Amino acid sequence: MTQTLPPHGYSHDKDAWLKRLRRIEGQVRGIHRMVEEDQYCIDILTQVSAIQSALKAVSLGLLDEHLNHCVVGAVEAAQESGDLTHIDDKLQEASAAIARLLKS
């Protein structure tokens, strides 16, 4: 019997993901405040770089969750049903996500 998996790979650690996103949101608000206060441009650019790094870490983490949860789940389901199309769909989703991440 197959165990029932949560709908998304990140679901088991959702609170941690939300905490990271709130931290990034706070950083963006901080940049807004820095611009309003006419802070030095290099200091603002340093904060922008930090946000980009944080977003990239979130993106890579979510991609890892997708591969380890959704793709693996599709493989397990295909082993039971013999229908491989779901695996192809999940792999194409992952490939498209990787391509989008590489563009940025």
PDB file of N, CA and C in Angstrom:
ATOM      1  N   MET A   1       0.849  -1.174   0.000  1.00  0.00           N
ATOM      2  CA  MET A   1       0.000   0.000   0.000  1.00  0.00           C
ATOM      3  C   MET A   1       0.895   1.237   0.000  1.00  0.00           C
ATOM      4  N   THR A   2       0.571   2.216  -0.830  1.00  0.00           N
ATOM      5  CA  THR A   2       1.335   3.451  -0.944  1.00  0.00           C
ATOM      6  C   THR A   2       0.881   4.440   0.119  1.00  0.00           C
ATOM      7  N   GLN A   3       1.860   5.103   0.747  1.00  0.00           N
ATOM      8  CA  GLN A   3       1.491   6.119   1.730  1.00  0.00           C
ATOM      9  C   GLN A   3       1.010   7.371   1.017  1.00  0.00           C
ATOM     10  N   THR A   4       0.127   8.091   1.673  1.00  0.00           N
ATOM     11  CA  THR A   4      -0.389   9.334   1.113  1.00  0.00           C
ATOM     12  C   THR A   4       0.596  10.448   1.425  1.00  0.00           C
ATOM     13  N   LEU A   5       1.054  11.126   0.379  1.00  0.00           N
ATOM     14  CA  LEU A   5       2.015  12.207   0.532  1.00  0.00           C
ATOM     15  C   LEU A   5       1.289  13.543   0.589  1.00  0.00           C
ATOM     16  N   PRO A   6       1.881  14.529   1.261  1.00  0.00           N
ATOM     17  CA  PRO A   6       1.281  15.864   1.239  1.00  0.00           C
ATOM     18  C   PRO A   6       1.264  16.381  -0.197  1.00  0.00           C
ATOM     19  N   PRO A   7       0.398  17.353  -0.503  1.00  0.00           N
ATOM     20  CA  PRO A   7       0.239  17.797  -1.885  1.00  0.00           C
ATOM     21  C   PRO A   7       1.486  18.428  -2.484  1.00  0.00           C
ATOM     22  N   HIS A   8       2.341  19.011  -1.672  1.00  0.00           N
ATOM     23  CA  HIS A   8       3.542  19.678  -2.168  1.00  0.00           C
ATOM     24  C   HIS A   8       4.724  19.271  -1.303  1.00  0.00           C
ATOM     25  N   GLY A   9       5.891  19.198  -1.910  1.00  0.00           N
ATOM     26  CA  GLY A   9       7.076  18.770  -1.184  1.00  0.00           C
ATOM     27  C   GLY A   9       7.447  19.676  -0.035  1.00  0.00           C
ATOM     28  N   TYR A  10       7.146  20.949  -0.155  1.00  0.00           N
ATOM     29  CA  TYR A  10       7.520  21.895   0.897  1.00  0.00           C
ATOM     30  C   TYR A  10       6.544  21.891   2.062  1.00  0.00           C
ATOM     31  N   SER A  11       5.415  21.200   1.934  1.00  0.00           N
ATOM     32  CA  SER A  11       4.357  21.253   2.949  1.00  0.00           C
ATOM     33  C   SER A  11       4.833  20.864   4.345  1.00  0.00           C
ATOM     34  N   HIS A  12       5.721  19.885   4.428  1.00  0.00           N
ATOM     35  CA  HIS A  12       6.178  19.429   5.745  1.00  0.00           C
ATOM     36  C   HIS A  12       7.010  20.481   6.474  1.00  0.00           C
ATOM     37  N   ASP A  13       7.566  21.432   5.724  1.00  0.00           N
ATOM     38  CA  ASP A  13       8.409  22.467   6.309  1.00  0.00           C
ATOM     39  C   ASP A  13       7.891  23.862   5.962  1.00  0.00           C
ATOM     40  N   LYS A  14       6.583  23.965   5.788  1.00  0.00           N
ATOM     41  CA  LYS A  14       5.962  25.205   5.324  1.00  0.00           C
ATOM     42  C   LYS A  14       6.271  26.396   6.224  1.00  0.00           C
ATOM     43  N   ASP A  15       6.265  26.195   7.527  1.00  0.00           N
ATOM     44  CA  ASP A  15       6.536  27.307   8.450  1.00  0.00           C
ATOM     45  C   ASP A  15       7.935  27.871   8.240  1.00  0.00           C
ATOM     46  N   ALA A  16       8.907  27.016   7.998  1.00  0.00           N
ATOM     47  CA  ALA A  16      10.279  27.484   7.758  1.00  0.00           C
ATOM     48  C   ALA A  16      10.364  28.252   6.441  1.00  0.00           C
ATOM     49  N   TRP A  17       9.653  27.772   5.415  1.00  0.00           N
ATOM     50  CA  TRP A  17       9.642  28.489   4.129  1.00  0.00           C
ATOM     51  C   TRP A  17       9.006  29.864   4.296  1.00  0.00           C
ATOM     52  N   LEU A  18       7.910  29.927   5.022  1.00  0.00           N
ATOM     53  CA  LEU A  18       7.241  31.206   5.244  1.00  0.00           C
ATOM     54  C   LEU A  18       8.121  32.159   6.053  1.00  0.00           C
ATOM     55  N   LYS A  19       8.845  31.622   7.010  1.00  0.00           N
ATOM     56  CA  LYS A  19       9.760  32.449   7.808  1.00  0.00           C
ATOM     57  C   LYS A  19      10.842  33.053   6.913  1.00  0.00           C
ATOM     58  N   ARG A  20      11.413  32.243   6.020  1.00  0.00           N
ATOM     59  CA  ARG A  20      12.441  32.741   5.097  1.00  0.00           C
ATOM     60  C   ARG A  20      11.866  33.825   4.189  1.00  0.00           C
ATOM     61  N   LEU A  21      10.641  33.607   3.702  1.00  0.00           N
ATOM     62  CA  LEU A  21      10.024  34.591   2.805  1.00  0.00           C
ATOM     63  C   LEU A  21       9.685  35.884   3.542  1.00  0.00           C
ATOM     64  N   ARG A  22       9.279  35.778   4.790  1.00  0.00           N
ATOM     65  CA  ARG A  22       9.019  36.998   5.582  1.00  0.00           C
ATOM     66  C   ARG A  22      10.314  37.778   5.800  1.00  0.00           C
ATOM     67  N   ARG A  23      11.412  37.052   5.999  1.00  0.00           N
ATOM     68  CA  ARG A  23      12.702  37.715   6.172  1.00  0.00           C
ATOM     69  C   ARG A  23      13.078  38.461   4.893  1.00  0.00           C
ATOM     70  N   ILE A  24      12.877  37.838   3.748  1.00  0.00           N
ATOM     71  CA  ILE A  24      13.160  38.489   2.465  1.00  0.00           C
ATOM     72  C   ILE A  24      12.249  39.696   2.284  1.00  0.00           C
ATOM     73  N   GLU A  25      10.991  39.541   2.627  1.00  0.00           N
ATOM     74  CA  GLU A  25      10.047  40.658   2.538  1.00  0.00           C
ATOM     75  C   GLU A  25      10.518  41.834   3.388  1.00  0.00           C
ATOM     76  N   GLY A  26      11.031  41.539   4.565  1.00  0.00           N
ATOM     77  CA  GLY A  26      11.558  42.587   5.430  1.00  0.00           C
ATOM     78  C   GLY A  26      12.774  43.274   4.816  1.00  0.00           C
ATOM     79  N   GLN A  27      13.603  42.478   4.144  1.00  0.00           N
ATOM     80  CA  GLN A  27      14.763  43.062   3.470  1.00  0.00           C
ATOM     81  C   GLN A  27      14.318  44.015   2.353  1.00  0.00           C
ATOM     82  N   VAL A  28      13.290  43.632   1.618  1.00  0.00           N
ATOM     83  CA  VAL A  28      12.782  44.496   0.548  1.00  0.00           C
ATOM     84  C   VAL A  28      12.232  45.788   1.140  1.00  0.00           C
ATOM     85  N   ARG A  29      11.491  45.689   2.223  1.00  0.00           N
ATOM     86  CA  ARG A  29      10.997  46.900   2.886  1.00  0.00           C
ATOM     87  C   ARG A  29      12.158  47.763   3.352  1.00  0.00           C
ATOM     88  N   GLY A  30      13.231  47.129   3.807  1.00  0.00           N
ATOM     89  CA  GLY A  30      14.409  47.863   4.231  1.00  0.00           C
ATOM     90  C   GLY A  30      15.041  48.649   3.088  1.00  0.00           C
ATOM     91  N   ILE A  31      15.079  48.040   1.906  1.00  0.00           N
ATOM     92  CA  ILE A  31      15.608  48.750   0.740  1.00  0.00           C
ATOM     93  C   ILE A  31      14.713  49.931   0.396  1.00  0.00           C
ATOM     94  N   HIS A  32      13.430  49.733   0.479  1.00  0.00           N
ATOM     95  CA  HIS A  32      12.476  50.821   0.222  1.00  0.00           C
ATOM     96  C   HIS A  32      12.765  51.992   1.151  1.00  0.00           C
ATOM     97  N   ARG A  33      12.964  51.664   2.419  1.00  0.00           N
ATOM     98  CA  ARG A  33      13.253  52.692   3.419  1.00  0.00           C
ATOM     99  C   ARG A  33      14.603  53.371   3.119  1.00  0.00           C
ATOM    100  N   MET A  34      15.585  52.588   2.697  1.00  0.00           N
ATOM    101  CA  MET A  34      16.902  53.156   2.371  1.00  0.00           C
ATOM    102  C   MET A  34      16.794  54.166   1.223  1.00  0.00           C
ATOM    103  N   VAL A  35      15.988  53.841   0.220  1.00  0.00           N
ATOM    104  CA  VAL A  35      15.806  54.769  -0.909  1.00  0.00           C
ATOM    105  C   VAL A  35      15.087  56.020  -0.429  1.00  0.00           C
ATOM    106  N   GLU A  36      14.046  55.837   0.373  1.00  0.00           N
ATOM    107  CA  GLU A  36      13.333  56.997   0.902  1.00  0.00           C
ATOM    108  C   GLU A  36      14.264  57.919   1.694  1.00  0.00           C
ATOM    109  N   GLU A  37      15.210  57.331   2.386  1.00  0.00           N
ATOM    110  CA  GLU A  37      16.124  58.103   3.238  1.00  0.00           C
ATOM    111  C   GLU A  37      17.384  58.532   2.491  1.00  0.00           C
ATOM    112  N   ASP A  38      17.409  58.327   1.183  1.00  0.00           N
ATOM    113  CA  ASP A  38      18.554  58.720   0.351  1.00  0.00           C
ATOM    114  C   ASP A  38      19.878  58.119   0.834  1.00  0.00           C
ATOM    115  N   GLN A  39      19.828  56.832   1.163  1.00  0.00           N
ATOM    116  CA  GLN A  39      21.051  56.138   1.585  1.00  0.00           C
ATOM    117  C   GLN A  39      22.020  55.998   0.405  1.00  0.00           C
ATOM    118  N   TYR A  40      23.257  55.712   0.712  1.00  0.00           N
ATOM    119  CA  TYR A  40      24.313  55.551  -0.274  1.00  0.00           C
ATOM    120  C   TYR A  40      23.980  54.384  -1.207  1.00  0.00           C
ATOM    121  N   CYS A  41      24.126  54.633  -2.518  1.00  0.00           N
ATOM    122  CA  CYS A  41      23.686  53.654  -3.515  1.00  0.00           C
ATOM    123  C   CYS A  41      24.392  52.306  -3.381  1.00  0.00           C
ATOM    124  N   ILE A  42      25.655  52.292  -3.033  1.00  0.00           N
ATOM    125  CA  ILE A  42      26.379  51.030  -2.888  1.00  0.00           C
ATOM    126  C   ILE A  42      25.799  50.208  -1.739  1.00  0.00           C
ATOM    127  N   ASP A  43      25.384  50.870  -0.671  1.00  0.00           N
ATOM    128  CA  ASP A  43      24.752  50.155   0.442  1.00  0.00           C
ATOM    129  C   ASP A  43      23.431  49.523  -0.004  1.00  0.00           C
ATOM    130  N   ILE A  44      22.687  50.233  -0.816  1.00  0.00           N
ATOM    131  CA  ILE A  44      21.421  49.698  -1.339  1.00  0.00           C
ATOM    132  C   ILE A  44      21.698  48.515  -2.248  1.00  0.00           C
ATOM    133  N   LEU A  45      22.679  48.658  -3.129  1.00  0.00           N
ATOM    134  CA  LEU A  45      23.028  47.557  -4.037  1.00  0.00           C
ATOM    135  C   LEU A  45      23.495  46.321  -3.266  1.00  0.00           C
ATOM    136  N   THR A  46      24.183  46.529  -2.159  1.00  0.00           N
ATOM    137  CA  THR A  46      24.602  45.401  -1.314  1.00  0.00           C
ATOM    138  C   THR A  46      23.384  44.658  -0.784  1.00  0.00           C
ATOM    139  N   GLN A  47      22.369  45.401  -0.373  1.00  0.00           N
ATOM    140  CA  GLN A  47      21.140  44.779   0.129  1.00  0.00           C
ATOM    141  C   GLN A  47      20.376  44.070  -0.987  1.00  0.00           C
ATOM    142  N   VAL A  48      20.364  44.663  -2.183  1.00  0.00           N
ATOM    143  CA  VAL A  48      19.716  44.016  -3.334  1.00  0.00           C
ATOM    144  C   VAL A  48      20.402  42.679  -3.608  1.00  0.00           C
ATOM    145  N   SER A  49      21.713  42.658  -3.574  1.00  0.00           N
ATOM    146  CA  SER A  49      22.465  41.426  -3.796  1.00  0.00           C
ATOM    147  C   SER A  49      22.120  40.369  -2.750  1.00  0.00           C
ATOM    148  N   ALA A  50      21.977  40.793  -1.505  1.00  0.00           N
ATOM    149  CA  ALA A  50      21.610  39.858  -0.432  1.00  0.00           C
ATOM    150  C   ALA A  50      20.230  39.260  -0.676  1.00  0.00           C
ATOM    151  N   ILE A  51      19.308  40.079  -1.144  1.00  0.00           N
ATOM    152  CA  ILE A  51      17.959  39.585  -1.436  1.00  0.00           C
ATOM    153  C   ILE A  51      17.991  38.602  -2.597  1.00  0.00           C
ATOM    154  N   GLN A  52      18.755  38.923  -3.624  1.00  0.00           N
ATOM    155  CA  GLN A  52      18.860  38.014  -4.766  1.00  0.00           C
ATOM    156  C   GLN A  52      19.417  36.659  -4.329  1.00  0.00           C
ATOM    157  N   SER A  53      20.419  36.679  -3.465  1.00  0.00           N
ATOM    158  CA  SER A  53      20.984  35.431  -2.951  1.00  0.00           C
ATOM    159  C   SER A  53      19.953  34.650  -2.138  1.00  0.00           C
ATOM    160  N   ALA A  54      19.204  35.363  -1.324  1.00  0.00           N
ATOM    161  CA  ALA A  54      18.178  34.708  -0.506  1.00  0.00           C
ATOM    162  C   ALA A  54      17.087  34.098  -1.379  1.00  0.00           C
ATOM    163  N   LEU A  55      16.671  34.820  -2.406  1.00  0.00           N
ATOM    164  CA  LEU A  55      15.650  34.284  -3.319  1.00  0.00           C
ATOM    165  C   LEU A  55      16.174  33.086  -4.091  1.00  0.00           C
ATOM    166  N   LYS A  56      17.428  33.144  -4.484  1.00  0.00           N
ATOM    167  CA  LYS A  56      18.015  32.002  -5.197  1.00  0.00           C
ATOM    168  C   LYS A  56      18.039  30.766  -4.289  1.00  0.00           C
ATOM    169  N   ALA A  57      18.373  30.966  -3.017  1.00  0.00           N
ATOM    170  CA  ALA A  57      18.377  29.851  -2.070  1.00  0.00           C
ATOM    171  C   ALA A  57      16.982  29.263  -1.912  1.00  0.00           C
ATOM    172  N   VAL A  58      15.967  30.122  -1.847  1.00  0.00           N
ATOM    173  CA  VAL A  58      14.583  29.636  -1.767  1.00  0.00           C
ATOM    174  C   VAL A  58      14.231  28.862  -3.040  1.00  0.00           C
ATOM    175  N   SER A  59      14.592  29.412  -4.186  1.00  0.00           N
ATOM    176  CA  SER A  59      14.294  28.756  -5.457  1.00  0.00           C
ATOM    177  C   SER A  59      14.932  27.381  -5.538  1.00  0.00           C
ATOM    178  N   LEU A  60      16.206  27.295  -5.193  1.00  0.00           N
ATOM    179  CA  LEU A  60      16.901  26.012  -5.251  1.00  0.00           C
ATOM    180  C   LEU A  60      16.327  25.022  -4.245  1.00  0.00           C
ATOM    181  N   GLY A  61      15.959  25.522  -3.076  1.00  0.00           N
ATOM    182  CA  GLY A  61      15.339  24.649  -2.080  1.00  0.00           C
ATOM    183  C   GLY A  61      14.001  24.104  -2.545  1.00  0.00           C
ATOM    184  N   LEU A  62      13.192  24.965  -3.144  1.00  0.00           N
ATOM    185  CA  LEU A  62      11.890  24.507  -3.652  1.00  0.00           C
ATOM    186  C   LEU A  62      12.062  23.552  -4.819  1.00  0.00           C
ATOM    187  N   LEU A  63      13.065  23.788  -5.659  1.00  0.00           N
ATOM    188  CA  LEU A  63      13.347  22.860  -6.757  1.00  0.00           C
ATOM    189  C   LEU A  63      13.749  21.501  -6.199  1.00  0.00           C
ATOM    190  N   ASP A  64      14.586  21.510  -5.179  1.00  0.00           N
ATOM    191  CA  ASP A  64      14.990  20.262  -4.532  1.00  0.00           C
ATOM    192  C   ASP A  64      13.781  19.533  -3.951  1.00  0.00           C
ATOM    193  N   GLU A  65      12.894  20.290  -3.308  1.00  0.00           N
ATOM    194  CA  GLU A  65      11.661  19.691  -2.773  1.00  0.00           C
ATOM    195  C   GLU A  65      10.821  19.078  -3.900  1.00  0.00           C
ATOM    196  N   HIS A  66      10.741  19.784  -5.025  1.00  0.00           N
ATOM    197  CA  HIS A  66       9.963  19.277  -6.167  1.00  0.00           C
ATOM    198  C   HIS A  66      10.550  17.957  -6.664  1.00  0.00           C
ATOM    199  N   LEU A  67      11.859  17.930  -6.823  1.00  0.00           N
ATOM    200  CA  LEU A  67      12.495  16.712  -7.326  1.00  0.00           C
ATOM    201  C   LEU A  67      12.319  15.553  -6.353  1.00  0.00           C
ATOM    202  N   ASN A  68      12.540  15.830  -5.069  1.00  0.00           N
ATOM    203  CA  ASN A  68      12.486  14.762  -4.071  1.00  0.00           C
ATOM    204  C   ASN A  68      11.081  14.340  -3.683  1.00  0.00           C
ATOM    205  N   HIS A  69      10.110  15.162  -3.950  1.00  0.00           N
ATOM    206  CA  HIS A  69       8.732  14.833  -3.576  1.00  0.00           C
ATOM    207  C   HIS A  69       7.886  14.534  -4.813  1.00  0.00           C
ATOM    208  N   CYS A  70       7.731  15.530  -5.672  1.00  0.00           N
ATOM    209  CA  CYS A  70       6.815  15.400  -6.800  1.00  0.00           C
ATOM    210  C   CYS A  70       7.326  14.426  -7.857  1.00  0.00           C
ATOM    211  N   VAL A  71       8.603  14.562  -8.213  1.00  0.00           N
ATOM    212  CA  VAL A  71       9.143  13.673  -9.243  1.00  0.00           C
ATOM    213  C   VAL A  71       9.253  12.245  -8.714  1.00  0.00           C
ATOM    214  N   VAL A  72       9.758  12.104  -7.509  1.00  0.00           N
ATOM    215  CA  VAL A  72       9.850  10.762  -6.919  1.00  0.00           C
ATOM    216  C   VAL A  72       8.455  10.162  -6.758  1.00  0.00           C
ATOM    217  N   GLY A  73       7.485  10.965  -6.343  1.00  0.00           N
ATOM    218  CA  GLY A  73       6.108  10.481  -6.229  1.00  0.00           C
ATOM    219  C   GLY A  73       5.551  10.032  -7.569  1.00  0.00           C
ATOM    220  N   ALA A  74       5.885  10.748  -8.637  1.00  0.00           N
ATOM    221  CA  ALA A  74       5.426  10.361  -9.978  1.00  0.00           C
ATOM    222  C   ALA A  74       6.052   9.040 -10.394  1.00  0.00           C
ATOM    223  N   VAL A  75       7.320   8.840 -10.058  1.00  0.00           N
ATOM    224  CA  VAL A  75       7.988   7.570 -10.380  1.00  0.00           C
ATOM    225  C   VAL A  75       7.335   6.427  -9.618  1.00  0.00           C
ATOM    226  N   GLU A  76       7.079   6.638  -8.338  1.00  0.00           N
ATOM    227  CA  GLU A  76       6.434   5.591  -7.536  1.00  0.00           C
ATOM    228  C   GLU A  76       5.043   5.271  -8.062  1.00  0.00           C
ATOM    229  N   ALA A  77       4.285   6.303  -8.432  1.00  0.00           N
ATOM    230  CA  ALA A  77       2.943   6.073  -8.984  1.00  0.00           C
ATOM    231  C   ALA A  77       3.034   5.336 -10.310  1.00  0.00           C
ATOM    232  N   ALA A  78       4.024   5.665 -11.117  1.00  0.00           N
ATOM    233  CA  ALA A  78       4.188   5.011 -12.415  1.00  0.00           C
ATOM    234  C   ALA A  78       4.565   3.544 -12.242  1.00  0.00           C
ATOM    235  N   GLN A  79       5.337   3.241 -11.229  1.00  0.00           N
ATOM    236  CA  GLN A  79       5.703   1.850 -10.965  1.00  0.00           C
ATOM    237  C   GLN A  79       4.465   1.025 -10.639  1.00  0.00           C
ATOM    238  N   GLU A  80       3.525   1.647  -9.955  1.00  0.00           N
ATOM    239  CA  GLU A  80       2.291   0.932  -9.612  1.00  0.00           C
ATOM    240  C   GLU A  80       1.344   0.817 -10.794  1.00  0.00           C
ATOM    241  N   SER A  81       1.236   1.894 -11.586  1.00  0.00           N
ATOM    242  CA  SER A  81       0.235   1.925 -12.659  1.00  0.00           C
ATOM    243  C   SER A  81       0.781   1.509 -14.021  1.00  0.00           C
ATOM    244  N   GLY A  82       2.078   1.674 -14.215  1.00  0.00           N
ATOM    245  CA  GLY A  82       2.660   1.396 -15.525  1.00  0.00           C
ATOM    246  C   GLY A  82       2.534   2.560 -16.497  1.00  0.00           C
ATOM    247  N   ASP A  83       1.926   3.665 -16.074  1.00  0.00           N
ATOM    248  CA  ASP A  83       1.750   4.851 -16.922  1.00  0.00           C
ATOM    249  C   ASP A  83       2.908   5.813 -16.666  1.00  0.00           C
ATOM    250  N   LEU A  84       3.764   5.976 -17.676  1.00  0.00           N
ATOM    251  CA  LEU A  84       4.966   6.789 -17.529  1.00  0.00           C
ATOM    252  C   LEU A  84       4.756   8.258 -17.884  1.00  0.00           C
ATOM    253  N   THR A  85       3.585   8.633 -18.384  1.00  0.00           N
ATOM    254  CA  THR A  85       3.383  10.008 -18.842  1.00  0.00           C
ATOM    255  C   THR A  85       3.504  11.018 -17.711  1.00  0.00           C
ATOM    256  N   HIS A  86       3.082  10.645 -16.517  1.00  0.00           N
ATOM    257  CA  HIS A  86       3.159  11.562 -15.375  1.00  0.00           C
ATOM    258  C   HIS A  86       4.618  11.879 -15.031  1.00  0.00           C
ATOM    259  N   ILE A  87       5.496  10.881 -15.180  1.00  0.00           N
ATOM    260  CA  ILE A  87       6.922  11.116 -14.938  1.00  0.00           C
ATOM    261  C   ILE A  87       7.446  12.144 -15.926  1.00  0.00           C
ATOM    262  N   ASP A  88       7.117  11.971 -17.194  1.00  0.00           N
ATOM    263  CA  ASP A  88       7.568  12.917 -18.216  1.00  0.00           C
ATOM    264  C   ASP A  88       7.079  14.334 -17.914  1.00  0.00           C
ATOM    265  N   ASP A  89       5.826  14.446 -17.486  1.00  0.00           N
ATOM    266  CA  ASP A  89       5.272  15.768 -17.148  1.00  0.00           C
ATOM    267  C   ASP A  89       6.068  16.420 -16.016  1.00  0.00           C
ATOM    268  N   LYS A  90       6.350  15.659 -14.974  1.00  0.00           N
ATOM    269  CA  LYS A  90       7.077  16.211 -13.820  1.00  0.00           C
ATOM    270  C   LYS A  90       8.513  16.574 -14.194  1.00  0.00           C
ATOM    271  N   LEU A  91       9.145  15.752 -15.021  1.00  0.00           N
ATOM    272  CA  LEU A  91      10.510  16.068 -15.452  1.00  0.00           C
ATOM    273  C   LEU A  91      10.539  17.308 -16.339  1.00  0.00           C
ATOM    274  N   GLN A  92       9.541  17.460 -17.201  1.00  0.00           N
ATOM    275  CA  GLN A  92       9.468  18.663 -18.039  1.00  0.00           C
ATOM    276  C   GLN A  92       9.238  19.909 -17.181  1.00  0.00           C
ATOM    277  N   GLU A  93       8.405  19.795 -16.161  1.00  0.00           N
ATOM    278  CA  GLU A  93       8.204  20.916 -15.232  1.00  0.00           C
ATOM    279  C   GLU A  93       9.523  21.309 -14.569  1.00  0.00           C
ATOM    280  N   ALA A  94      10.264  20.299 -14.109  1.00  0.00           N
ATOM    281  CA  ALA A  94      11.538  20.570 -13.444  1.00  0.00           C
ATOM    282  C   ALA A  94      12.529  21.200 -14.416  1.00  0.00           C
ATOM    283  N   SER A  95      12.599  20.682 -15.625  1.00  0.00           N
ATOM    284  CA  SER A  95      13.512  21.238 -16.629  1.00  0.00           C
ATOM    285  C   SER A  95      13.165  22.689 -16.950  1.00  0.00           C
ATOM    286  N   ALA A  96      11.889  22.981 -17.071  1.00  0.00           N
ATOM    287  CA  ALA A  96      11.458  24.352 -17.356  1.00  0.00           C
ATOM    288  C   ALA A  96      11.800  25.277 -16.193  1.00  0.00           C
ATOM    289  N   ALA A  97      11.623  24.789 -14.964  1.00  0.00           N
ATOM    290  CA  ALA A  97      11.951  25.595 -13.789  1.00  0.00           C
ATOM    291  C   ALA A  97      13.452  25.872 -13.731  1.00  0.00           C
ATOM    292  N   ILE A  98      14.254  24.872 -14.032  1.00  0.00           N
ATOM    293  CA  ILE A  98      15.707  25.051 -14.035  1.00  0.00           C
ATOM    294  C   ILE A  98      16.094  26.069 -15.106  1.00  0.00           C
ATOM    295  N   ALA A  99      15.493  25.969 -16.272  1.00  0.00           N
ATOM    296  CA  ALA A  99      15.785  26.932 -17.351  1.00  0.00           C
ATOM    297  C   ALA A  99      15.437  28.353 -16.931  1.00  0.00           C
ATOM    298  N   ARG A 100      14.304  28.524 -16.236  1.00  0.00           N
ATOM    299  CA  ARG A 100      13.931  29.877 -15.755  1.00  0.00           C
ATOM    300  C   ARG A 100      14.937  30.384 -14.726  1.00  0.00           C
ATOM    301  N   LEU A 101      15.395  29.509 -13.860  1.00  0.00           N
ATOM    302  CA  LEU A 101      16.365  29.919 -12.843  1.00  0.00           C
ATOM    303  C   LEU A 101      17.701  30.305 -13.471  1.00  0.00           C
ATOM    304  N   LEU A 102      18.082  29.606 -14.512  1.00  0.00           N
ATOM    305  CA  LEU A 102      19.350  29.908 -15.174  1.00  0.00           C
ATOM    306  C   LEU A 102      19.307  31.217 -15.950  1.00  0.00           C
ATOM    307  N   LYS A 103      18.111  31.632 -16.384  1.00  0.00           N
ATOM    308  CA  LYS A 103      17.976  32.891 -17.104  1.00  0.00           C
ATOM    309  C   LYS A 103      18.209  34.083 -16.194  1.00  0.00           C
ATOM    310  N   SER A 104      17.893  33.929 -14.930  1.00  0.00           N
ATOM    311  CA  SER A 104      18.002  35.065 -14.011  1.00  0.00           C
ATOM    312  C   SER A 104      19.410  35.285 -13.521  1.00  0.00           C
TER     313      SER A 104
END
